[in-house]
């Protein structure tokens, strides 16, 4: 059975814009990402999500999992566990490796579930 593919519109708007701030992500007190190239994805009435370039995430902080989900607006999501020293938080990070065209800018980026990390935004120097 084919999965539905939906296009953002007035009933379900989605925008992707460059974040006008430096974004630092910490987990367990450890900086796991630091970037001035984040993207803010705003989908309908959901809280805005920071998508961080994979290149700006600490290489030792992510471990791929076999989990996946599907969003009819964005496509197939795959997941990473977040490794913070002694702790590993399963499926705490997601990515759309081949997102649908409407949100294509988030390819090569990851997002963190906010209950597992601290996300700080500050003006870039």
PDB file of N, CA and C in Angstrom:
ATOM      1  N   UNK A   1       0.835  -1.184   0.000  1.00  0.00           N
ATOM      2  CA  UNK A   1       0.000   0.000   0.000  1.00  0.00           C
ATOM      3  C   UNK A   1       0.883   1.253   0.000  1.00  0.00           C
ATOM      4  N   UNK A   2       0.590   2.149  -0.887  1.00  0.00           N
ATOM      5  CA  UNK A   2       1.379   3.382  -0.993  1.00  0.00           C
ATOM      6  C   UNK A   2       1.084   4.300   0.189  1.00  0.00           C
ATOM      7  N   UNK A   3       2.138   4.943   0.657  1.00  0.00           N
ATOM      8  CA  UNK A   3       1.972   5.901   1.757  1.00  0.00           C
ATOM      9  C   UNK A   3       1.576   7.249   1.175  1.00  0.00           C
ATOM     10  N   UNK A   4       0.759   7.995   1.898  1.00  0.00           N
ATOM     11  CA  UNK A   4       0.358   9.309   1.388  1.00  0.00           C
ATOM     12  C   UNK A   4       1.527  10.286   1.399  1.00  0.00           C
ATOM     13  N   UNK A   5       1.550  11.147   0.399  1.00  0.00           N
ATOM     14  CA  UNK A   5       2.518  12.239   0.335  1.00  0.00           C
ATOM     15  C   UNK A   5       1.704  13.521   0.308  1.00  0.00           C
ATOM     16  N   UNK A   6       1.942  14.382   1.289  1.00  0.00           N
ATOM     17  CA  UNK A   6       1.177  15.623   1.398  1.00  0.00           C
ATOM     18  C   UNK A   6       2.082  16.820   1.172  1.00  0.00           C
ATOM     19  N   UNK A   7       1.509  17.858   0.612  1.00  0.00           N
ATOM     20  CA  UNK A   7       2.232  19.100   0.349  1.00  0.00           C
ATOM     21  C   UNK A   7       1.798  20.148   1.374  1.00  0.00           C
ATOM     22  N   UNK A   8       2.754  20.824   2.018  1.00  0.00           N
ATOM     23  CA  UNK A   8       2.372  21.888   2.953  1.00  0.00           C
ATOM     24  C   UNK A   8       1.529  22.943   2.241  1.00  0.00           C
ATOM     25  N   UNK A   9       0.599  23.499   2.973  1.00  0.00           N
ATOM     26  CA  UNK A   9      -0.267  24.540   2.422  1.00  0.00           C
ATOM     27  C   UNK A   9      -0.920  25.302   3.549  1.00  0.00           C
ATOM     28  N   UNK A  10      -1.939  26.092   3.242  1.00  0.00           N
ATOM     29  CA  UNK A  10      -2.577  26.924   4.267  1.00  0.00           C
ATOM     30  C   UNK A  10      -3.135  26.128   5.449  1.00  0.00           C
ATOM     31  N   UNK A  11      -3.580  24.889   5.212  1.00  0.00           N
ATOM     32  CA  UNK A  11      -4.141  24.083   6.294  1.00  0.00           C
ATOM     33  C   UNK A  11      -3.060  23.397   7.130  1.00  0.00           C
ATOM     34  N   UNK A  12      -1.842  23.295   6.583  1.00  0.00           N
ATOM     35  CA  UNK A  12      -0.713  22.679   7.307  1.00  0.00           C
ATOM     36  C   UNK A  12       0.587  23.310   6.787  1.00  0.00           C
ATOM     37  N   UNK A  13       0.850  24.554   7.195  1.00  0.00           N
ATOM     38  CA  UNK A  13       2.060  25.233   6.682  1.00  0.00           C
ATOM     39  C   UNK A  13       3.343  24.687   7.300  1.00  0.00           C
ATOM     40  N   UNK A  14       4.388  24.666   6.489  1.00  0.00           N
ATOM     41  CA  UNK A  14       5.728  24.313   6.958  1.00  0.00           C
ATOM     42  C   UNK A  14       6.701  25.299   6.341  1.00  0.00           C
ATOM     43  N   UNK A  15       7.533  25.906   7.191  1.00  0.00           N
ATOM     44  CA  UNK A  15       8.588  26.789   6.697  1.00  0.00           C
ATOM     45  C   UNK A  15       9.929  26.288   7.219  1.00  0.00           C
ATOM     46  N   UNK A  16      10.962  26.504   6.413  1.00  0.00           N
ATOM     47  CA  UNK A  16      12.339  26.193   6.812  1.00  0.00           C
ATOM     48  C   UNK A  16      13.156  27.441   6.535  1.00  0.00           C
ATOM     49  N   UNK A  17      13.725  28.006   7.588  1.00  0.00           N
ATOM     50  CA  UNK A  17      14.486  29.250   7.474  1.00  0.00           C
ATOM     51  C   UNK A  17      15.807  29.117   8.218  1.00  0.00           C
ATOM     52  N   UNK A  18      16.845  29.819   7.767  1.00  0.00           N
ATOM     53  CA  UNK A  18      18.090  29.842   8.548  1.00  0.00           C
ATOM     54  C   UNK A  18      17.828  30.410   9.943  1.00  0.00           C
ATOM     55  N   UNK A  19      18.418  29.820  10.941  1.00  0.00           N
ATOM     56  CA  UNK A  19      18.291  30.310  12.315  1.00  0.00           C
ATOM     57  C   UNK A  19      19.233  31.497  12.472  1.00  0.00           C
ATOM     58  N   UNK A  20      18.695  32.588  12.966  1.00  0.00           N
ATOM     59  CA  UNK A  20      19.482  33.816  13.094  1.00  0.00           C
ATOM     60  C   UNK A  20      20.225  33.853  14.424  1.00  0.00           C
ATOM     61  N   UNK A  21      20.828  32.739  14.791  1.00  0.00           N
ATOM     62  CA  UNK A  21      21.558  32.660  16.058  1.00  0.00           C
ATOM     63  C   UNK A  21      22.499  31.474  16.012  1.00  0.00           C
ATOM     64  N   UNK A  22      23.447  31.491  16.909  1.00  0.00           N
ATOM     65  CA  UNK A  22      24.294  30.319  17.137  1.00  0.00           C
ATOM     66  C   UNK A  22      23.470  29.344  17.976  1.00  0.00           C
ATOM     67  N   UNK A  23      23.520  28.071  17.653  1.00  0.00           N
ATOM     68  CA  UNK A  23      22.787  27.056  18.394  1.00  0.00           C
ATOM     69  C   UNK A  23      23.785  26.072  18.993  1.00  0.00           C
ATOM     70  N   UNK A  24      23.700  25.899  20.314  1.00  0.00           N
ATOM     71  CA  UNK A  24      24.537  24.942  21.029  1.00  0.00           C
ATOM     72  C   UNK A  24      23.608  23.931  21.685  1.00  0.00           C
ATOM     73  N   UNK A  25      23.904  22.648  21.466  1.00  0.00           N
ATOM     74  CA  UNK A  25      23.109  21.569  22.044  1.00  0.00           C
ATOM     75  C   UNK A  25      23.978  20.833  23.050  1.00  0.00           C
ATOM     76  N   UNK A  26      23.445  20.673  24.279  1.00  0.00           N
ATOM     77  CA  UNK A  26      24.162  19.962  25.338  1.00  0.00           C
ATOM     78  C   UNK A  26      23.317  18.783  25.816  1.00  0.00           C
ATOM     79  N   UNK A  27      24.000  17.711  26.130  1.00  0.00           N
ATOM     80  CA  UNK A  27      23.354  16.543  26.727  1.00  0.00           C
ATOM     81  C   UNK A  27      24.251  16.055  27.846  1.00  0.00           C
ATOM     82  N   UNK A  28      23.687  15.901  29.023  1.00  0.00           N
ATOM     83  CA  UNK A  28      24.482  15.468  30.163  1.00  0.00           C
ATOM     84  C   UNK A  28      25.637  16.404  30.451  1.00  0.00           C
ATOM     85  N   UNK A  29      25.468  17.696  30.193  1.00  0.00           N
ATOM     86  CA  UNK A  29      26.509  18.682  30.434  1.00  0.00           C
ATOM     87  C   UNK A  29      27.560  18.761  29.341  1.00  0.00           C
ATOM     88  N   UNK A  30      27.490  17.885  28.368  1.00  0.00           N
ATOM     89  CA  UNK A  30      28.481  17.828  27.285  1.00  0.00           C
ATOM     90  C   UNK A  30      27.924  18.508  26.033  1.00  0.00           C
ATOM     91  N   UNK A  31      28.741  19.335  25.378  1.00  0.00           N
ATOM     92  CA  UNK A  31      28.333  19.948  24.116  1.00  0.00           C
ATOM     93  C   UNK A  31      28.373  18.862  23.041  1.00  0.00           C
ATOM     94  N   UNK A  32      27.223  18.610  22.419  1.00  0.00           N
ATOM     95  CA  UNK A  32      27.148  17.596  21.367  1.00  0.00           C
ATOM     96  C   UNK A  32      26.968  18.222  19.987  1.00  0.00           C
ATOM     97  N   UNK A  33      26.627  19.515  19.951  1.00  0.00           N
ATOM     98  CA  UNK A  33      26.511  20.225  18.672  1.00  0.00           C
ATOM     99  C   UNK A  33      26.697  21.711  18.919  1.00  0.00           C
ATOM    100  N   UNK A  34      27.323  22.366  17.949  1.00  0.00           N
ATOM    101  CA  UNK A  34      27.577  23.805  18.026  1.00  0.00           C
ATOM    102  C   UNK A  34      27.618  24.319  16.601  1.00  0.00           C
ATOM    103  N   UNK A  35      26.685  25.213  16.256  1.00  0.00           N
ATOM    104  CA  UNK A  35      26.604  25.640  14.865  1.00  0.00           C
ATOM    105  C   UNK A  35      26.067  27.067  14.725  1.00  0.00           C
ATOM    106  N   UNK A  36      26.454  27.680  13.646  1.00  0.00           N
ATOM    107  CA  UNK A  36      25.856  28.951  13.228  1.00  0.00           C
ATOM    108  C   UNK A  36      25.100  28.734  11.919  1.00  0.00           C
ATOM    109  N   UNK A  37      24.865  27.474  11.555  1.00  0.00           N
ATOM    110  CA  UNK A  37      24.195  27.141  10.291  1.00  0.00           C
ATOM    111  C   UNK A  37      22.944  26.294  10.508  1.00  0.00           C
ATOM    112  N   UNK A  38      22.303  26.432  11.660  1.00  0.00           N
ATOM    113  CA  UNK A  38      21.076  25.674  11.922  1.00  0.00           C
ATOM    114  C   UNK A  38      19.934  26.202  11.072  1.00  0.00           C
ATOM    115  N   UNK A  39      18.945  25.354  10.891  1.00  0.00           N
ATOM    116  CA  UNK A  39      17.711  25.722  10.208  1.00  0.00           C
ATOM    117  C   UNK A  39      16.556  25.560  11.189  1.00  0.00           C
ATOM    118  N   UNK A  40      15.628  26.509  11.171  1.00  0.00           N
ATOM    119  CA  UNK A  40      14.434  26.414  11.998  1.00  0.00           C
ATOM    120  C   UNK A  40      13.286  25.924  11.120  1.00  0.00           C
ATOM    121  N   UNK A  41      12.724  24.774  11.481  1.00  0.00           N
ATOM    122  CA  UNK A  41      11.563  24.254  10.777  1.00  0.00           C
ATOM    123  C   UNK A  41      10.352  24.522  11.647  1.00  0.00           C
ATOM    124  N   UNK A  42       9.395  25.244  11.096  1.00  0.00           N
ATOM    125  CA  UNK A  42       8.137  25.525  11.792  1.00  0.00           C
ATOM    126  C   UNK A  42       7.033  24.805  11.040  1.00  0.00           C
ATOM    127  N   UNK A  43       6.387  23.865  11.710  1.00  0.00           N
ATOM    128  CA  UNK A  43       5.331  23.070  11.092  1.00  0.00           C
ATOM    129  C   UNK A  43       4.023  23.311  11.821  1.00  0.00           C
ATOM    130  N   UNK A  44       3.065  23.870  11.097  1.00  0.00           N
ATOM    131  CA  UNK A  44       1.726  24.131  11.628  1.00  0.00           C
ATOM    132  C   UNK A  44       1.830  24.771  13.019  1.00  0.00           C
ATOM    133  N   UNK A  45       1.122  24.208  14.006  1.00  0.00           N
ATOM    134  CA  UNK A  45       1.120  24.768  15.365  1.00  0.00           C
ATOM    135  C   UNK A  45       2.106  24.073  16.294  1.00  0.00           C
ATOM    136  N   UNK A  46       2.965  23.205  15.752  1.00  0.00           N
ATOM    137  CA  UNK A  46       3.947  22.499  16.574  1.00  0.00           C
ATOM    138  C   UNK A  46       5.073  23.452  16.982  1.00  0.00           C
ATOM    139  N   UNK A  47       5.773  23.141  18.070  1.00  0.00           N
ATOM    140  CA  UNK A  47       6.937  23.962  18.427  1.00  0.00           C
ATOM    141  C   UNK A  47       7.989  23.926  17.306  1.00  0.00           C
ATOM    142  N   UNK A  48       8.678  25.029  17.112  1.00  0.00           N
ATOM    143  CA  UNK A  48       9.746  25.099  16.106  1.00  0.00           C
ATOM    144  C   UNK A  48      10.840  24.107  16.472  1.00  0.00           C
ATOM    145  N   UNK A  49      11.465  23.530  15.441  1.00  0.00           N
ATOM    146  CA  UNK A  49      12.522  22.541  15.627  1.00  0.00           C
ATOM    147  C   UNK A  49      13.800  23.052  14.977  1.00  0.00           C
ATOM    148  N   UNK A  50      14.911  22.936  15.708  1.00  0.00           N
ATOM    149  CA  UNK A  50      16.223  23.299  15.174  1.00  0.00           C
ATOM    150  C   UNK A  50      16.827  22.081  14.474  1.00  0.00           C
ATOM    151  N   UNK A  51      17.145  22.226  13.208  1.00  0.00           N
ATOM    152  CA  UNK A  51      17.840  21.191  12.451  1.00  0.00           C
ATOM    153  C   UNK A  51      19.300  21.621  12.330  1.00  0.00           C
ATOM    154  N   UNK A  52      20.186  20.773  12.846  1.00  0.00           N
ATOM    155  CA  UNK A  52      21.614  21.067  12.952  1.00  0.00           C
ATOM    156  C   UNK A  52      22.363  20.325  11.849  1.00  0.00           C
ATOM    157  N   UNK A  53      23.265  20.993  11.121  1.00  0.00           N
ATOM    158  CA  UNK A  53      24.058  20.261  10.137  1.00  0.00           C
ATOM    159  C   UNK A  53      24.805  19.105  10.804  1.00  0.00           C
ATOM    160  N   UNK A  54      24.740  17.950  10.185  1.00  0.00           N
ATOM    161  CA  UNK A  54      25.406  16.770  10.740  1.00  0.00           C
ATOM    162  C   UNK A  54      26.894  17.041  10.957  1.00  0.00           C
ATOM    163  N   UNK A  55      27.491  17.851  10.108  1.00  0.00           N
ATOM    164  CA  UNK A  55      28.911  18.180  10.230  1.00  0.00           C
ATOM    165  C   UNK A  55      29.227  18.956  11.508  1.00  0.00           C
ATOM    166  N   UNK A  56      28.210  19.576  12.126  1.00  0.00           N
ATOM    167  CA  UNK A  56      28.415  20.366  13.340  1.00  0.00           C
ATOM    168  C   UNK A  56      28.028  19.618  14.617  1.00  0.00           C
ATOM    169  N   UNK A  57      27.828  18.309  14.497  1.00  0.00           N
ATOM    170  CA  UNK A  57      27.514  17.461  15.643  1.00  0.00           C
ATOM    171  C   UNK A  57      28.760  16.634  15.957  1.00  0.00           C
ATOM    172  N   UNK A  58      29.086  16.509  17.233  1.00  0.00           N
ATOM    173  CA  UNK A  58      30.250  15.717  17.636  1.00  0.00           C
ATOM    174  C   UNK A  58      30.111  14.298  17.087  1.00  0.00           C
ATOM    175  N   UNK A  59      31.137  13.848  16.382  1.00  0.00           N
ATOM    176  CA  UNK A  59      31.094  12.547  15.707  1.00  0.00           C
ATOM    177  C   UNK A  59      30.844  11.403  16.688  1.00  0.00           C
ATOM    178  N   UNK A  60      31.337  11.524  17.916  1.00  0.00           N
ATOM    179  CA  UNK A  60      31.179  10.443  18.890  1.00  0.00           C
ATOM    180  C   UNK A  60      29.861  10.520  19.657  1.00  0.00           C
ATOM    181  N   UNK A  61      29.000  11.492  19.312  1.00  0.00           N
ATOM    182  CA  UNK A  61      27.754  11.677  20.048  1.00  0.00           C
ATOM    183  C   UNK A  61      26.588  10.897  19.450  1.00  0.00           C
ATOM    184  N   UNK A  62      26.732  10.402  18.227  1.00  0.00           N
ATOM    185  CA  UNK A  62      25.624   9.734  17.557  1.00  0.00           C
ATOM    186  C   UNK A  62      25.955   8.293  17.217  1.00  0.00           C
ATOM    187  N   UNK A  63      24.976   7.417  17.428  1.00  0.00           N
ATOM    188  CA  UNK A  63      25.087   6.011  17.033  1.00  0.00           C
ATOM    189  C   UNK A  63      23.802   5.645  16.303  1.00  0.00           C
ATOM    190  N   UNK A  64      23.880   5.255  15.026  1.00  0.00           N
ATOM    191  CA  UNK A  64      22.662   4.948  14.271  1.00  0.00           C
ATOM    192  C   UNK A  64      21.870   3.800  14.905  1.00  0.00           C
ATOM    193  N   UNK A  65      20.546   3.875  14.800  1.00  0.00           N
ATOM    194  CA  UNK A  65      19.673   2.789  15.245  1.00  0.00           C
ATOM    195  C   UNK A  65      18.901   2.267  14.032  1.00  0.00           C
ATOM    196  N   UNK A  66      18.142   1.228  14.242  1.00  0.00           N
ATOM    197  CA  UNK A  66      17.326   0.666  13.166  1.00  0.00           C
ATOM    198  C   UNK A  66      15.927   1.269  13.122  1.00  0.00           C
ATOM    199  N   UNK A  67      15.637   2.223  13.994  1.00  0.00           N
ATOM    200  CA  UNK A  67      14.302   2.816  14.059  1.00  0.00           C
ATOM    201  C   UNK A  67      14.031   3.708  12.865  1.00  0.00           C
ATOM    202  N   UNK A  68      12.756   3.783  12.493  1.00  0.00           N
ATOM    203  CA  UNK A  68      12.341   4.692  11.428  1.00  0.00           C
ATOM    204  C   UNK A  68      10.870   5.040  11.622  1.00  0.00           C
ATOM    205  N   UNK A  69      10.500   6.205  11.107  1.00  0.00           N
ATOM    206  CA  UNK A  69       9.106   6.643  11.107  1.00  0.00           C
ATOM    207  C   UNK A  69       8.836   7.305   9.771  1.00  0.00           C
ATOM    208  N   UNK A  70       7.587   7.631   9.540  1.00  0.00           N
ATOM    209  CA  UNK A  70       7.203   8.273   8.283  1.00  0.00           C
ATOM    210  C   UNK A  70       6.334   9.483   8.559  1.00  0.00           C
ATOM    211  N   UNK A  71       6.631  10.575   7.876  1.00  0.00           N
ATOM    212  CA  UNK A  71       5.813  11.780   7.919  1.00  0.00           C
ATOM    213  C   UNK A  71       5.350  12.065   6.502  1.00  0.00           C
ATOM    214  N   UNK A  72       4.055  12.208   6.265  1.00  0.00           N
ATOM    215  CA  UNK A  72       3.592  12.448   4.899  1.00  0.00           C
ATOM    216  C   UNK A  72       4.036  13.795   4.325  1.00  0.00           C
ATOM    217  N   UNK A  73       4.501  14.718   5.178  1.00  0.00           N
ATOM    218  CA  UNK A  73       4.976  16.021   4.708  1.00  0.00           C
ATOM    219  C   UNK A  73       6.487  16.066   4.496  1.00  0.00           C
ATOM    220  N   UNK A  74       7.229  15.227   5.249  1.00  0.00           N
ATOM    221  CA  UNK A  74       8.687  15.300   5.199  1.00  0.00           C
ATOM    222  C   UNK A  74       9.347  14.044   4.644  1.00  0.00           C
ATOM    223  N   UNK A  75       8.728  12.881   4.789  1.00  0.00           N
ATOM    224  CA  UNK A  75       9.289  11.641   4.264  1.00  0.00           C
ATOM    225  C   UNK A  75       9.696  10.683   5.363  1.00  0.00           C
ATOM    226  N   UNK A  76      10.667   9.828   5.050  1.00  0.00           N
ATOM    227  CA  UNK A  76      11.145   8.804   5.980  1.00  0.00           C
ATOM    228  C   UNK A  76      12.201   9.371   6.916  1.00  0.00           C
ATOM    229  N   UNK A  77      11.982   9.179   8.209  1.00  0.00           N
ATOM    230  CA  UNK A  77      12.956   9.611   9.209  1.00  0.00           C
ATOM    231  C   UNK A  77      13.707   8.393   9.728  1.00  0.00           C
ATOM    232  N   UNK A  78      14.989   8.568   9.955  1.00  0.00           N
ATOM    233  CA  UNK A  78      15.788   7.549  10.624  1.00  0.00           C
ATOM    234  C   UNK A  78      16.349   8.175  11.896  1.00  0.00           C
ATOM    235  N   UNK A  79      16.844   7.308  12.785  1.00  0.00           N
ATOM    236  CA  UNK A  79      17.169   7.762  14.133  1.00  0.00           C
ATOM    237  C   UNK A  79      18.590   7.414  14.556  1.00  0.00           C
ATOM    238  N   UNK A  80      19.057   8.174  15.539  1.00  0.00           N
ATOM    239  CA  UNK A  80      20.338   7.941  16.194  1.00  0.00           C
ATOM    240  C   UNK A  80      20.101   7.883  17.691  1.00  0.00           C
ATOM    241  N   UNK A  81      20.926   7.106  18.368  1.00  0.00           N
ATOM    242  CA  UNK A  81      21.007   7.211  19.816  1.00  0.00           C
ATOM    243  C   UNK A  81      22.000   8.312  20.124  1.00  0.00           C
ATOM    244  N   UNK A  82      21.784   8.992  21.234  1.00  0.00           N
ATOM    245  CA  UNK A  82      22.663  10.065  21.679  1.00  0.00           C
ATOM    246  C   UNK A  82      23.578   9.502  22.757  1.00  0.00           C
ATOM    247  N   UNK A  83      24.879   9.573  22.510  1.00  0.00           N
ATOM    248  CA  UNK A  83      25.873   9.015  23.426  1.00  0.00           C
ATOM    249  C   UNK A  83      26.519  10.179  24.184  1.00  0.00           C
ATOM    250  N   UNK A  84      26.353  10.171  25.502  1.00  0.00           N
ATOM    251  CA  UNK A  84      26.891  11.254  26.330  1.00  0.00           C
ATOM    252  C   UNK A  84      27.733  10.658  27.435  1.00  0.00           C
ATOM    253  N   UNK A  85      28.965  10.359  27.114  1.00  0.00           N
ATOM    254  CA  UNK A  85      29.846   9.784  28.126  1.00  0.00           C
ATOM    255  C   UNK A  85      29.363   8.418  28.536  1.00  0.00           C
ATOM    256  N   UNK A  86      28.808   8.326  29.755  1.00  0.00           N
ATOM    257  CA  UNK A  86      28.372   7.047  30.283  1.00  0.00           C
ATOM    258  C   UNK A  86      26.956   6.675  29.867  1.00  0.00           C
ATOM    259  N   UNK A  87      26.176   7.620  29.379  1.00  0.00           N
ATOM    260  CA  UNK A  87      24.776   7.364  29.042  1.00  0.00           C
ATOM    261  C   UNK A  87      24.562   7.274  27.537  1.00  0.00           C
ATOM    262  N   UNK A  88      23.624   6.430  27.143  1.00  0.00           N
ATOM    263  CA  UNK A  88      23.170   6.351  25.761  1.00  0.00           C
ATOM    264  C   UNK A  88      21.657   6.480  25.776  1.00  0.00           C
ATOM    265  N   UNK A  89      21.143   7.456  25.047  1.00  0.00           N
ATOM    266  CA  UNK A  89      19.708   7.693  24.984  1.00  0.00           C
ATOM    267  C   UNK A  89      19.234   7.236  23.607  1.00  0.00           C
ATOM    268  N   UNK A  90      18.491   6.150  23.578  1.00  0.00           N
ATOM    269  CA  UNK A  90      18.057   5.544  22.322  1.00  0.00           C
ATOM    270  C   UNK A  90      17.066   6.438  21.585  1.00  0.00           C
ATOM    271  N   UNK A  91      17.287   6.577  20.283  1.00  0.00           N
ATOM    272  CA  UNK A  91      16.372   7.307  19.388  1.00  0.00           C
ATOM    273  C   UNK A  91      16.095   8.737  19.844  1.00  0.00           C
ATOM    274  N   UNK A  92      17.117   9.426  20.318  1.00  0.00           N
ATOM    275  CA  UNK A  92      16.969  10.797  20.802  1.00  0.00           C
ATOM    276  C   UNK A  92      17.165  11.833  19.706  1.00  0.00           C
ATOM    277  N   UNK A  93      17.622  11.382  18.524  1.00  0.00           N
ATOM    278  CA  UNK A  93      17.965  12.281  17.421  1.00  0.00           C
ATOM    279  C   UNK A  93      17.375  11.694  16.150  1.00  0.00           C
ATOM    280  N   UNK A  94      16.828  12.564  15.290  1.00  0.00           N
ATOM    281  CA  UNK A  94      16.298  12.061  14.022  1.00  0.00           C
ATOM    282  C   UNK A  94      16.806  12.872  12.847  1.00  0.00           C
ATOM    283  N   UNK A  95      16.689  12.268  11.678  1.00  0.00           N
ATOM    284  CA  UNK A  95      17.102  12.922  10.441  1.00  0.00           C
ATOM    285  C   UNK A  95      16.220  12.449   9.296  1.00  0.00           C
ATOM    286  N   UNK A  96      16.051  13.307   8.325  1.00  0.00           N
ATOM    287  CA  UNK A  96      15.406  12.944   7.062  1.00  0.00           C
ATOM    288  C   UNK A  96      16.509  12.959   6.020  1.00  0.00           C
ATOM    289  N   UNK A  97      17.015  11.788   5.682  1.00  0.00           N
ATOM    290  CA  UNK A  97      18.144  11.718   4.748  1.00  0.00           C
ATOM    291  C   UNK A  97      17.753  12.181   3.353  1.00  0.00           C
ATOM    292  N   UNK A  98      16.530  11.855   2.936  1.00  0.00           N
ATOM    293  CA  UNK A  98      16.035  12.261   1.625  1.00  0.00           C
ATOM    294  C   UNK A  98      14.643  12.858   1.796  1.00  0.00           C
ATOM    295  N   UNK A  99      14.580  14.058   2.373  1.00  0.00           N
ATOM    296  CA  UNK A  99      13.273  14.666   2.645  1.00  0.00           C
ATOM    297  C   UNK A  99      12.552  15.045   1.350  1.00  0.00           C
ATOM    298  N   UNK A 100      11.250  15.185   1.462  1.00  0.00           N
ATOM    299  CA  UNK A 100      10.467  15.641   0.318  1.00  0.00           C
ATOM    300  C   UNK A 100      10.894  17.059  -0.064  1.00  0.00           C
ATOM    301  N   UNK A 101      10.628  17.418  -1.308  1.00  0.00           N
ATOM    302  CA  UNK A 101      11.119  18.678  -1.875  1.00  0.00           C
ATOM    303  C   UNK A 101      10.725  19.906  -1.053  1.00  0.00           C
ATOM    304  N   UNK A 102       9.533  19.912  -0.490  1.00  0.00           N
ATOM    305  CA  UNK A 102       9.061  21.091   0.248  1.00  0.00           C
ATOM    306  C   UNK A 102       9.939  21.423   1.448  1.00  0.00           C
ATOM    307  N   UNK A 103      10.656  20.421   1.974  1.00  0.00           N
ATOM    308  CA  UNK A 103      11.535  20.627   3.122  1.00  0.00           C
ATOM    309  C   UNK A 103      12.952  20.133   2.808  1.00  0.00           C
ATOM    310  N   UNK A 104      13.298  20.144   1.544  1.00  0.00           N
ATOM    311  CA  UNK A 104      14.575  19.601   1.087  1.00  0.00           C
ATOM    312  C   UNK A 104      15.790  20.187   1.776  1.00  0.00           C
ATOM    313  N   UNK A 105      15.680  21.401   2.287  1.00  0.00           N
ATOM    314  CA  UNK A 105      16.821  22.055   2.936  1.00  0.00           C
ATOM    315  C   UNK A 105      17.295  21.307   4.180  1.00  0.00           C
ATOM    316  N   UNK A 106      16.441  20.478   4.801  1.00  0.00           N
ATOM    317  CA  UNK A 106      16.853  19.792   6.031  1.00  0.00           C
ATOM    318  C   UNK A 106      17.681  18.527   5.767  1.00  0.00           C
ATOM    319  N   UNK A 107      17.890  18.174   4.515  1.00  0.00           N
ATOM    320  CA  UNK A 107      18.761  17.039   4.205  1.00  0.00           C
ATOM    321  C   UNK A 107      20.146  17.333   4.787  1.00  0.00           C
ATOM    322  N   UNK A 108      20.780  16.330   5.350  1.00  0.00           N
ATOM    323  CA  UNK A 108      22.109  16.521   5.938  1.00  0.00           C
ATOM    324  C   UNK A 108      22.077  17.167   7.312  1.00  0.00           C
ATOM    325  N   UNK A 109      20.894  17.280   7.893  1.00  0.00           N
ATOM    326  CA  UNK A 109      20.716  17.880   9.212  1.00  0.00           C
ATOM    327  C   UNK A 109      20.074  16.868  10.159  1.00  0.00           C
ATOM    328  N   UNK A 110      20.246  17.087  11.454  1.00  0.00           N
ATOM    329  CA  UNK A 110      19.609  16.268  12.475  1.00  0.00           C
ATOM    330  C   UNK A 110      18.860  17.175  13.449  1.00  0.00           C
ATOM    331  N   UNK A 111      17.886  16.579  14.133  1.00  0.00           N
ATOM    332  CA  UNK A 111      17.144  17.292  15.172  1.00  0.00           C
ATOM    333  C   UNK A 111      17.141  16.441  16.433  1.00  0.00           C
ATOM    334  N   UNK A 112      17.082  17.107  17.569  1.00  0.00           N
ATOM    335  CA  UNK A 112      17.168  16.465  18.869  1.00  0.00           C
ATOM    336  C   UNK A 112      15.837  16.588  19.594  1.00  0.00           C
ATOM    337  N   UNK A 113      15.380  15.492  20.211  1.00  0.00           N
ATOM    338  CA  UNK A 113      14.191  15.587  21.049  1.00  0.00           C
ATOM    339  C   UNK A 113      14.520  16.461  22.256  1.00  0.00           C
ATOM    340  N   UNK A 114      13.718  17.518  22.481  1.00  0.00           N
ATOM    341  CA  UNK A 114      14.062  18.500  23.521  1.00  0.00           C
ATOM    342  C   UNK A 114      14.083  17.947  24.945  1.00  0.00           C
ATOM    343  N   UNK A 115      13.388  16.861  25.210  1.00  0.00           N
ATOM    344  CA  UNK A 115      13.397  16.314  26.569  1.00  0.00           C
ATOM    345  C   UNK A 115      14.730  15.661  26.921  1.00  0.00           C
ATOM    346  N   UNK A 116      15.599  15.459  25.918  1.00  0.00           N
ATOM    347  CA  UNK A 116      16.883  14.797  26.158  1.00  0.00           C
ATOM    348  C   UNK A 116      18.083  15.740  26.137  1.00  0.00           C
ATOM    349  N   UNK A 117      17.865  16.972  25.705  1.00  0.00           N
ATOM    350  CA  UNK A 117      18.982  17.912  25.540  1.00  0.00           C
ATOM    351  C   UNK A 117      18.579  19.310  26.005  1.00  0.00           C
ATOM    352  N   UNK A 118      19.595  20.157  26.116  1.00  0.00           N
ATOM    353  CA  UNK A 118      19.394  21.594  26.319  1.00  0.00           C
ATOM    354  C   UNK A 118      19.820  22.273  25.043  1.00  0.00           C
ATOM    355  N   UNK A 119      18.939  23.087  24.471  1.00  0.00           N
ATOM    356  CA  UNK A 119      19.247  23.807  23.240  1.00  0.00           C
ATOM    357  C   UNK A 119      19.319  25.291  23.587  1.00  0.00           C
ATOM    358  N   UNK A 120      20.474  25.880  23.335  1.00  0.00           N
ATOM    359  CA  UNK A 120      20.696  27.297  23.640  1.00  0.00           C
ATOM    360  C   UNK A 120      20.920  28.055  22.353  1.00  0.00           C
ATOM    361  N   UNK A 121      20.227  29.176  22.205  1.00  0.00           N
ATOM    362  CA  UNK A 121      20.437  30.046  21.046  1.00  0.00           C
ATOM    363  C   UNK A 121      20.993  31.365  21.539  1.00  0.00           C
ATOM    364  N   UNK A 122      22.029  31.839  20.861  1.00  0.00           N
ATOM    365  CA  UNK A 122      22.627  33.124  21.197  1.00  0.00           C
ATOM    366  C   UNK A 122      23.069  33.804  19.916  1.00  0.00           C
ATOM    367  N   UNK A 123      23.181  35.101  19.969  1.00  0.00           N
ATOM    368  CA  UNK A 123      23.612  35.835  18.779  1.00  0.00           C
ATOM    369  C   UNK A 123      25.021  35.427  18.404  1.00  0.00           C
ATOM    370  N   UNK A 124      25.227  35.204  17.122  1.00  0.00           N
ATOM    371  CA  UNK A 124      26.557  34.825  16.621  1.00  0.00           C
ATOM    372  C   UNK A 124      27.519  35.977  16.800  1.00  0.00           C
ATOM    373  N   UNK A 125      28.741  35.634  17.106  1.00  0.00           N
ATOM    374  CA  UNK A 125      29.767  36.673  17.296  1.00  0.00           C
ATOM    375  C   UNK A 125      30.312  37.138  15.965  1.00  0.00           C
TER     376      UNK A 125
END
